[in-house]
Protein backbone atom coordinates (compact mmCIF):
# COMPACT_ATOMS: atom_id res chain seq x y z
CA MET A 1 -27.52 5.34 -2.36
CA LYS A 2 -30.86 7.12 -2.67
CA ARG A 3 -29.26 10.54 -2.28
CA PHE A 4 -26.59 9.73 -4.83
CA LEU A 5 -29.26 8.68 -7.31
CA GLN A 6 -31.14 11.93 -6.63
CA ALA A 7 -28.01 13.95 -7.34
CA ALA A 8 -27.21 11.85 -10.41
CA MET A 9 -30.73 12.31 -11.79
CA LEU A 10 -30.63 16.06 -11.19
CA PHE A 11 -27.25 16.30 -12.85
CA GLY A 12 -28.40 14.11 -15.73
CA VAL A 13 -31.34 16.42 -16.40
CA LEU A 14 -29.02 19.43 -16.24
CA LEU A 15 -26.48 17.84 -18.58
CA ALA A 16 -29.17 16.78 -21.07
CA GLY A 17 -30.57 20.32 -21.12
CA VAL A 18 -27.11 21.77 -21.65
CA VAL A 19 -26.36 19.37 -24.52
CA VAL A 20 -29.69 20.15 -26.23
CA ALA A 21 -29.20 23.92 -25.79
CA SER A 22 -25.66 23.75 -27.19
CA GLN A 23 -27.00 22.22 -30.40
CA ALA A 24 -29.37 25.14 -31.04
CA GLN A 25 -27.68 27.84 -33.10
CA GLY A 26 -30.01 30.51 -31.73
CA LEU A 27 -29.00 29.81 -28.12
CA ARG A 28 -25.24 29.88 -28.65
CA SER A 29 -25.01 33.65 -28.14
CA VAL A 30 -26.93 33.23 -24.88
CA LEU A 31 -24.71 30.36 -23.69
CA GLY A 32 -21.52 32.15 -24.80
CA THR A 33 -22.21 35.67 -23.51
CA VAL A 34 -25.32 36.17 -21.39
CA LEU A 35 -24.93 33.07 -19.21
CA PRO A 36 -21.25 33.66 -18.24
CA TYR A 37 -21.97 37.29 -17.27
CA ALA A 38 -25.02 36.21 -15.23
CA ALA A 39 -23.03 33.45 -13.51
CA VAL A 40 -20.18 35.81 -12.55
CA ALA A 41 -22.71 38.36 -11.23
CA VAL A 42 -24.39 35.70 -9.07
CA LEU A 43 -20.97 34.52 -7.88
CA LEU A 44 -19.82 37.99 -6.82
CA VAL A 45 -23.08 38.99 -5.15
CA GLY A 46 -23.42 35.62 -3.44
CA VAL A 47 -19.87 35.53 -2.12
CA ILE A 48 -20.04 39.13 -0.86
CA TYR A 49 -23.37 38.43 0.84
CA ARG A 50 -22.17 35.22 2.50
CA VAL A 51 -18.82 36.65 3.61
CA ALA A 52 -19.71 40.25 4.55
CA GLY A 53 -23.44 39.98 5.17
CA VAL A 54 -23.60 36.70 7.08
CA TRP A 55 -20.23 35.48 8.33
CA GLY A 56 -18.69 38.92 8.82
CA ARG A 57 -21.63 40.02 10.99
CA ALA A 58 -21.73 36.87 13.12
CA PRO A 59 -20.70 37.67 16.71
CA VAL A 60 -17.57 35.97 17.99
CA PRO A 61 -17.55 36.95 21.67
CA PHE A 62 -15.13 34.26 22.79
CA ARG A 63 -11.84 32.88 21.54
CA ILE A 64 -12.55 29.29 20.54
CA PRO A 65 -9.49 28.17 18.53
CA THR A 66 -9.11 24.45 18.03
CA SER A 67 -6.33 23.30 20.32
CA CYS A 68 -4.41 20.22 19.20
CA GLY A 69 -1.32 20.68 21.34
CA GLN A 70 0.10 22.16 24.52
CA GLN A 71 -1.06 25.70 25.23
CA LYS A 72 1.49 28.32 26.24
CA ALA A 73 1.64 28.29 30.02
CA LEU A 74 4.66 28.21 32.33
CA SER A 75 8.11 28.99 30.94
CA TRP A 76 9.41 25.46 31.48
CA ILE A 77 6.53 23.84 29.57
CA LYS A 78 7.16 23.72 25.83
CA PRO A 79 4.10 25.00 23.92
CA SER A 80 2.92 23.83 20.52
CA LYS A 81 3.32 26.96 18.41
CA LEU A 82 1.41 25.65 15.37
CA ASP A 83 -1.22 23.36 16.89
CA ASN A 84 -2.01 25.79 19.70
CA PRO A 85 -0.68 29.21 18.60
CA SER A 86 -0.60 32.01 21.14
CA THR A 87 0.69 34.73 18.78
CA THR A 88 -0.39 36.22 15.47
CA LEU A 89 2.71 34.77 13.78
CA GLY A 90 1.74 31.31 14.99
CA VAL A 91 -1.79 31.78 13.64
CA ILE A 92 -0.38 32.80 10.23
CA GLY A 93 1.81 29.69 10.18
CA ARG A 94 -1.09 27.48 11.15
CA MET A 95 -3.37 29.00 8.52
CA ALA A 96 -0.70 28.72 5.84
CA LEU A 97 -0.21 25.01 6.52
CA GLU A 98 -3.97 24.49 6.61
CA VAL A 99 -4.62 26.28 3.31
CA LEU A 100 -1.58 25.09 1.35
CA VAL A 101 -1.10 21.49 2.51
CA PHE A 102 -4.32 20.64 4.44
CA ARG A 103 -2.35 19.85 7.59
CA SER A 104 -5.36 18.93 9.73
CA LEU A 105 -6.60 16.53 7.03
CA PHE A 106 -3.12 15.00 6.76
CA ARG A 107 -3.21 14.30 10.50
CA ASN A 108 -6.73 12.91 10.31
CA VAL A 109 -7.12 9.50 11.95
CA ARG A 110 -10.02 7.11 12.26
CA THR A 111 -10.74 4.31 14.71
CA GLN A 112 -10.71 0.73 13.51
CA LEU A 113 -11.42 -2.53 15.31
CA LYS A 114 -8.50 -4.91 14.90
CA PRO A 115 -8.40 -8.66 15.72
CA GLY A 116 -8.10 -9.27 19.42
CA PRO A 117 -10.41 -7.34 19.61
CA LYS A 118 -8.33 -4.19 19.83
CA LEU A 119 -9.26 -0.59 19.02
CA ALA A 120 -6.61 1.08 16.88
CA TYR A 121 -6.14 4.44 15.22
CA VAL A 122 -5.20 4.44 11.55
CA GLY A 123 -4.36 7.28 9.20
CA GLY A 124 -6.47 8.54 6.33
CA TRP A 125 -3.68 9.42 3.93
CA GLU A 126 -5.71 8.45 0.84
CA LEU A 127 -8.25 11.20 1.49
CA TRP A 128 -5.49 13.77 2.03
CA ALA A 129 -3.70 12.74 -1.18
CA ALA A 130 -6.92 12.91 -3.22
CA ALA A 131 -7.82 16.31 -1.79
CA MET A 132 -4.34 17.67 -2.52
CA ALA A 133 -4.40 16.28 -6.06
CA PHE A 134 -7.79 17.82 -6.79
CA HIS A 135 -7.31 21.25 -5.22
CA TRP A 136 -3.81 21.95 -6.52
CA SER A 137 -4.61 20.60 -9.98
CA PHE A 138 -7.77 22.71 -10.11
CA LEU A 139 -5.80 25.84 -9.17
CA LEU A 140 -3.10 25.18 -11.78
CA ILE A 141 -5.70 24.46 -14.48
CA VAL A 142 -7.49 27.74 -13.74
CA LEU A 143 -4.21 29.67 -13.90
CA ARG A 144 -3.23 27.83 -17.07
CA HIS A 145 -6.53 28.88 -18.66
CA MET A 146 -5.51 32.52 -18.25
CA ARG A 147 -3.71 32.23 -21.59
CA TYR A 148 -7.14 32.44 -23.24
CA PHE A 149 -7.92 35.77 -21.56
CA THR A 150 -4.71 37.69 -22.25
CA GLU A 151 -3.02 38.90 -25.41
CA PRO A 152 -0.08 38.57 -25.45
CA VAL A 153 -0.22 35.41 -23.37
CA ALA A 154 0.74 35.92 -19.73
CA GLY A 155 4.21 34.58 -18.97
CA PHE A 156 3.12 32.59 -15.93
CA ALA A 157 0.45 30.78 -17.99
CA THR A 158 3.05 29.71 -20.56
CA MET A 159 5.42 28.58 -17.82
CA LEU A 160 2.71 26.55 -16.05
CA ALA A 161 1.72 24.89 -19.33
CA ALA A 162 5.34 23.93 -19.97
CA LEU A 163 5.77 22.50 -16.46
CA ASP A 164 2.43 20.71 -16.62
CA GLY A 165 3.36 19.02 -19.87
CA PHE A 166 6.95 18.30 -18.80
CA PHE A 167 6.77 14.59 -19.69
CA GLU A 168 5.70 15.40 -23.28
CA ILE A 169 3.37 12.43 -23.55
CA GLY A 170 1.20 12.32 -26.66
CA VAL A 171 0.07 14.96 -29.14
CA PRO A 172 -1.33 17.26 -27.94
CA THR A 173 0.75 17.01 -24.79
CA LEU A 174 -0.89 15.26 -21.86
CA TYR A 175 -1.03 17.56 -18.83
CA VAL A 176 -0.23 15.97 -15.46
CA THR A 177 -2.90 18.05 -13.73
CA ASN A 178 -5.59 16.61 -16.01
CA VAL A 179 -4.74 13.11 -14.82
CA LEU A 180 -4.43 14.10 -11.15
CA ILE A 181 -7.71 16.01 -11.01
CA VAL A 182 -9.65 13.11 -12.55
CA ALA A 183 -8.04 10.69 -10.09
CA GLY A 184 -8.71 12.99 -7.12
CA LEU A 185 -12.34 13.71 -8.03
CA GLY A 186 -12.94 10.06 -8.88
CA TYR A 187 -11.67 8.93 -5.49
CA LEU A 188 -13.71 11.55 -3.60
CA LEU A 189 -16.87 10.54 -5.47
CA LEU A 190 -16.39 6.77 -5.22
CA ARG A 191 -15.50 7.12 -1.54
CA ARG A 192 -18.88 8.71 -0.84
CA VAL A 193 -20.70 6.11 -2.94
CA PHE A 194 -19.09 2.91 -1.61
CA ASP A 195 -18.21 3.79 2.01
CA PRO A 196 -21.37 2.82 3.97
CA GLN A 197 -20.76 5.15 6.89
CA LEU A 198 -19.92 8.13 4.69
CA ARG A 199 -22.78 7.38 2.31
CA MET A 200 -25.22 7.40 5.22
CA ILE A 201 -24.35 10.98 6.22
CA SER A 202 -23.92 12.30 2.66
CA LEU A 203 -26.57 14.50 1.09
CA ALA A 204 -27.41 15.07 -2.54
CA ALA A 205 -25.60 18.41 -2.14
CA ASP A 206 -22.40 16.45 -1.43
CA PHE A 207 -22.60 14.40 -4.64
CA PHE A 208 -23.80 17.10 -7.05
CA PRO A 209 -20.66 19.34 -6.93
CA LEU A 210 -18.40 16.33 -7.49
CA LEU A 211 -20.41 15.26 -10.53
CA LEU A 212 -20.40 18.83 -11.83
CA LEU A 213 -16.65 19.27 -11.39
CA LEU A 214 -15.92 15.89 -12.93
CA SER A 215 -18.07 16.70 -15.96
CA ILE A 216 -16.25 20.00 -16.46
CA VAL A 217 -12.89 18.23 -16.39
CA VAL A 218 -14.09 15.47 -18.73
CA THR A 219 -15.56 17.88 -21.32
CA GLY A 220 -12.38 19.93 -21.21
CA GLY A 221 -10.30 16.80 -21.76
CA LEU A 222 -12.51 15.67 -24.64
CA MET A 223 -12.02 19.02 -26.36
CA ARG A 224 -8.25 18.90 -25.96
CA TYR A 225 -7.44 15.27 -26.68
CA PHE A 226 -10.25 13.82 -28.79
CA GLY A 227 -12.12 16.61 -30.59
CA HIS A 228 -11.15 19.32 -33.02
CA THR A 229 -11.25 22.65 -31.19
CA ASP A 230 -10.82 26.05 -32.80
CA VAL A 231 -8.58 27.57 -30.11
CA ALA A 232 -8.33 30.92 -31.93
CA SER A 233 -12.12 31.34 -31.93
CA ILE A 234 -12.36 30.34 -28.28
CA LYS A 235 -9.69 32.88 -27.37
CA GLU A 236 -11.56 35.55 -29.33
CA LEU A 237 -14.69 34.75 -27.33
CA ALA A 238 -12.78 34.78 -24.01
CA ILE A 239 -11.08 38.12 -24.71
CA GLY A 240 -14.42 39.56 -25.81
CA LEU A 241 -15.97 38.52 -22.50
CA ILE A 242 -13.15 39.93 -20.38
CA THR A 243 -13.14 43.27 -22.28
CA PHE A 244 -16.96 43.55 -22.23
CA HIS A 245 -17.18 43.32 -26.02
CA PRO A 246 -18.70 39.85 -26.26
CA VAL A 247 -18.82 38.12 -29.61
CA VAL A 248 -19.48 34.48 -30.50
CA PRO A 249 -17.30 33.54 -33.50
CA ALA A 250 -18.47 30.93 -35.96
CA GLY A 251 -16.77 27.57 -35.93
CA ILE A 252 -16.84 26.84 -32.20
CA GLY A 253 -18.04 23.28 -31.57
CA SER A 254 -21.00 22.31 -29.42
CA LEU A 255 -18.76 20.58 -26.86
CA PHE A 256 -17.22 23.93 -25.94
CA PHE A 257 -20.64 25.40 -25.14
CA VAL A 258 -21.39 22.38 -22.96
CA HIS A 259 -18.09 22.96 -21.15
CA LEU A 260 -18.68 26.71 -20.77
CA THR A 261 -22.27 26.24 -19.56
CA LEU A 262 -21.20 23.74 -16.91
CA VAL A 263 -18.51 26.17 -15.73
CA SER A 264 -21.17 28.92 -15.52
CA VAL A 265 -23.43 26.62 -13.49
CA LEU A 266 -20.52 25.92 -11.13
CA LEU A 267 -19.82 29.64 -10.64
CA ALA A 268 -23.47 30.44 -9.93
CA TYR A 269 -23.85 27.41 -7.65
CA LEU A 270 -20.72 28.05 -5.59
CA PRO A 271 -22.06 30.73 -3.15
CA PHE A 272 -24.96 28.48 -2.13
CA SER A 273 -22.98 25.27 -1.68
CA LYS A 274 -20.41 23.71 0.58
CA LEU A 275 -17.76 24.85 -1.88
CA MET A 276 -17.85 28.15 0.04
CA HIS A 277 -15.37 26.58 2.44
CA MET A 278 -12.73 28.27 0.26
CA PRO A 279 -13.23 31.74 1.82
CA GLY A 280 -14.87 30.29 4.91
CA VAL A 281 -11.65 28.79 6.27
CA PHE A 282 -10.19 32.29 6.65
CA LEU A 283 -13.19 33.42 8.73
CA SER A 284 -13.34 30.43 11.04
CA PRO A 285 -12.74 31.49 14.69
CA THR A 286 -11.43 28.00 15.40
CA ARG A 287 -8.50 28.73 13.06
CA ASN A 288 -7.89 32.48 12.78
CA LEU A 289 -7.57 33.35 16.49
CA ALA A 290 -4.62 33.02 18.82
CA ASN A 291 -5.19 30.92 21.93
CA ASN A 292 -3.97 33.35 24.58
CA ASN A 293 -6.77 32.78 27.08
CA ARG A 294 -4.31 32.15 29.92
CA ALA A 295 -2.40 35.37 29.25
CA GLU A 296 -5.35 37.70 28.63
CA ARG A 297 -8.88 37.90 29.89
CA HIS A 298 -11.43 38.15 27.08
CA VAL A 299 -14.73 39.66 28.13
CA ASN A 300 -17.85 39.09 26.06
CA PRO A 301 -18.90 42.60 24.92
CA TRP A 302 -22.53 41.46 24.74
CA ASN A 303 -22.67 40.49 28.43
CA ALA A 304 -25.11 42.48 30.55
CA PRO A 305 -23.30 44.52 33.23
CA VAL A 306 -23.19 42.68 36.54
CA LYS A 307 -21.61 43.46 39.88
CA VAL A 308 -18.57 41.23 40.40
CA HIS A 309 -16.74 40.34 43.58
CA THR A 310 -13.02 40.21 42.78
CA TYR A 311 -10.50 38.09 44.65
CA GLU A 312 -8.88 41.21 46.08
CA GLU A 313 -12.21 42.32 47.54
CA TRP A 314 -12.89 38.81 48.86
CA GLU A 315 -9.49 38.61 50.51
CA GLU A 316 -9.94 42.02 52.11
CA GLU A 317 -13.38 41.02 53.40
CA PHE A 318 -12.16 37.77 54.99
CA HIS A 319 -8.59 38.89 55.71
CA ASP A 320 -8.66 38.15 59.47
CA LYS A 321 -10.24 34.72 59.06
CA ILE A 322 -7.79 33.68 56.33
CA GLU A 323 -4.85 34.85 58.42
CA ALA A 324 -6.18 33.02 61.47
CA CYS A 325 -6.35 29.78 59.47
CA GLY A 326 -2.74 30.20 58.38
CA LEU A 327 -3.60 30.37 54.67
CA PRO A 328 -1.36 32.44 52.38
CA LEU A 329 -2.43 36.02 51.59
CA ASP A 330 -1.57 38.23 48.63
CA LYS A 331 -1.60 41.20 51.00
CA PRO A 332 -0.14 40.15 54.39
């Protein structure tokens, strides 16, 4: 609980500073133009450095894919093409299922002591459902927001908005993704707070991104459903940012600047946080390599050259003794 309180206090200080800054008329141009550009610059530089400068340069001398099924071996043994892929096509299928539907998380199990006593394995479907709700809702919300950055409005953004508000609940229409993302983030946060085992291994850096994301969603929802928002002025600001002609129109409420500042903090924070698992999953050698160790010999290129004694040389050296013992020979 101590680490959660640390993260909550840090976030509370951040949020209070953002709210105070949004009330100052002189800082609105900074919050609306300078801060977003700075956040995007930090995001791009940080992601490029982490991906190309750190992960891309890390040596991967061995093939260490995670194997969760039968490896390809003899012809009469059926291999697991997705859980233990031996071809590039199998790796693509495995990665697609991992990225799109979190297959490994769906199959996640935990041990539990049942009456008896008896050790049993139970599924963790709640975590998978919450993760799916959050990630897919977040993606759709980001794509839906593209209508603020294009003129005329991009067709896919209009289509997503129509699908998202299919049930036509309330005025303005309640988006399904807004409900799902709050439910998903709420579950992920409460799970870390109230699960004793998970709370013990959680750091402040695990709580802070959840609080930040939840605050972004809440401020966005407050603007849409409970506060008067000048959408035309916000779109003018967004198009000005994307075309590098920034302007902060009059009439934009303080809540929008709170929302925009929190988004900027998230963008700048992302390269230095665990949220970098987004590009990291594609660079993980446990996922992006085919497990063909039985078919091919992989030699570590960093190994120092050593003199080896092959089986052929060994058999030739002890040929007479092996033959005298009646053992089989490759070369009779």
